[in-house]
Protein backbone atom coordinates (compact mmCIF):
# COMPACT_ATOMS: atom_id res chain seq x y z
CA UNK A 1 17.79 -35.04 -5.65
CA UNK A 2 18.34 -31.12 -6.58
CA UNK A 3 15.43 -31.84 -9.64
CA UNK A 4 12.74 -32.95 -7.69
CA UNK A 5 11.12 -29.49 -7.39
CA UNK A 6 10.91 -30.25 -11.58
CA UNK A 7 8.84 -32.95 -10.56
CA UNK A 8 6.00 -31.78 -8.69
CA UNK A 9 6.31 -28.47 -10.62
CA UNK A 10 4.79 -30.98 -13.01
CA UNK A 11 2.05 -31.63 -12.37
CA UNK A 12 1.11 -27.30 -13.23
CA UNK A 13 0.71 -28.75 -17.34
CA UNK A 14 -2.00 -30.64 -16.71
CA UNK A 15 -3.34 -28.24 -14.53
CA UNK A 16 -4.01 -25.81 -16.76
CA UNK A 17 -4.35 -27.98 -19.93
CA UNK A 18 -7.67 -28.72 -18.07
CA UNK A 19 -8.34 -25.35 -17.60
CA UNK A 20 -8.11 -24.27 -20.93
CA UNK A 21 -9.86 -27.10 -21.91
CA UNK A 22 -12.61 -27.22 -19.69
CA UNK A 23 -14.51 -23.64 -20.49
CA UNK A 24 -15.33 -26.09 -24.01
CA UNK A 25 -16.56 -29.26 -22.54
CA UNK A 26 -19.86 -29.66 -22.33
CA UNK A 27 -22.32 -30.31 -19.21
CA UNK A 28 -24.20 -33.61 -18.84
CA UNK A 29 -27.38 -33.79 -20.09
CA UNK A 30 -27.90 -35.80 -16.78
CA UNK A 31 -27.29 -33.00 -14.69
CA UNK A 32 -28.80 -29.98 -16.02
CA UNK A 33 -32.09 -32.30 -16.60
CA UNK A 34 -31.53 -33.09 -12.91
CA UNK A 35 -30.01 -31.22 -11.29
CA UNK A 36 -30.56 -27.41 -12.89
CA UNK A 37 -34.13 -28.23 -13.78
CA UNK A 38 -33.05 -26.87 -17.29
CA UNK A 39 -35.12 -28.93 -20.05
CA UNK A 40 -34.09 -27.43 -23.40
CA UNK A 41 -30.11 -27.03 -22.64
CA UNK A 42 -30.48 -31.12 -21.64
CA UNK A 43 -32.57 -32.02 -24.58
CA UNK A 44 -29.59 -29.68 -26.72
CA UNK A 45 -27.01 -31.67 -25.20
CA UNK A 46 -28.59 -35.49 -25.97
CA UNK A 47 -28.85 -34.30 -28.96
CA UNK A 48 -25.23 -33.22 -29.44
CA UNK A 49 -24.78 -36.15 -27.43
CA UNK A 50 -26.06 -39.47 -29.65
CA UNK A 51 -26.00 -36.92 -32.43
CA UNK A 52 -30.38 -37.04 -32.98
CA UNK A 53 -32.90 -34.81 -33.24
CA UNK A 54 -35.78 -36.67 -31.31
CA UNK A 55 -34.03 -36.87 -27.76
CA UNK A 56 -37.66 -37.23 -25.65
CA UNK A 57 -36.87 -41.31 -25.35
CA UNK A 58 -33.49 -40.54 -23.60
CA UNK A 59 -35.07 -37.77 -21.16
CA UNK A 60 -37.57 -39.56 -20.54
CA UNK A 61 -35.55 -42.48 -19.28
CA UNK A 62 -33.68 -39.90 -17.24
CA UNK A 63 -36.73 -38.59 -15.31
CA UNK A 64 -37.46 -42.45 -14.65
CA UNK A 65 -34.87 -43.38 -13.07
CA UNK A 66 -34.70 -40.35 -11.37
CA UNK A 67 -38.68 -41.40 -9.91
CA UNK A 68 -37.03 -44.86 -8.26
CA UNK A 69 -33.95 -43.66 -7.32
CA UNK A 70 -35.97 -41.08 -5.03
CA UNK A 71 -38.63 -44.06 -4.60
CA UNK A 72 -35.92 -46.15 -2.89
CA UNK A 73 -35.10 -47.14 0.53
CA UNK A 74 -31.72 -46.05 1.67
CA UNK A 75 -30.18 -48.10 4.30
CA UNK A 76 -27.61 -47.01 6.84
CA UNK A 77 -24.47 -49.07 7.40
CA UNK A 78 -25.86 -50.39 11.35
CA UNK A 79 -28.31 -51.53 9.07
CA UNK A 80 -26.20 -52.96 6.73
CA UNK A 81 -24.21 -54.61 9.18
CA UNK A 82 -26.85 -56.45 10.42
CA UNK A 83 -27.91 -57.81 7.02
CA UNK A 84 -26.25 -61.74 6.90
CA UNK A 85 -26.32 -62.00 2.88
CA UNK A 86 -24.17 -58.26 2.86
CA UNK A 87 -22.32 -59.54 6.12
CA UNK A 88 -19.57 -61.99 4.76
CA UNK A 89 -19.38 -59.25 1.24
CA UNK A 90 -18.27 -56.44 3.42
CA UNK A 91 -15.80 -58.08 6.00
CA UNK A 92 -14.50 -59.62 2.39
CA UNK A 93 -13.80 -56.12 1.69
CA UNK A 94 -12.46 -54.87 4.30
CA UNK A 95 -10.19 -57.47 5.03
CA UNK A 96 -9.10 -57.33 1.11
CA UNK A 97 -8.36 -53.84 1.53
CA UNK A 98 -6.93 -53.88 4.68
CA UNK A 99 -4.17 -56.51 3.25
CA UNK A 100 -3.74 -53.86 0.70
CA UNK A 101 -2.32 -50.82 3.11
CA UNK A 102 -0.75 -53.25 4.87
CA UNK A 103 1.40 -54.85 2.40
CA UNK A 104 1.87 -51.70 0.46
CA UNK A 105 0.86 -52.64 -3.28
CA UNK A 106 -1.78 -48.79 -2.83
CA UNK A 107 1.92 -47.69 -3.18
CA UNK A 108 2.75 -48.91 -6.53
């Protein structure tokens, strides 16, 4: 029982490894293009990930997907529950997750 503080202290090792490695990890090309609006860095990131010089097709695919997502109508929770097709699936997920909570599987 006197060794349990060492178990909590062991979390420090992976955290330190992640902090040291983080500056060397590349940023996501999608993030650079859509959030930071930096096309040149996004192209460089795509080139690094894909290993090819011409990444214009990938850039256009990301931009097209972004346009489609902006045009998609978002549905509220109440509207989702009113939809007959989704109601059964939502109820199934809620019952399943409730059973997980009650039987203790999430603790394992």
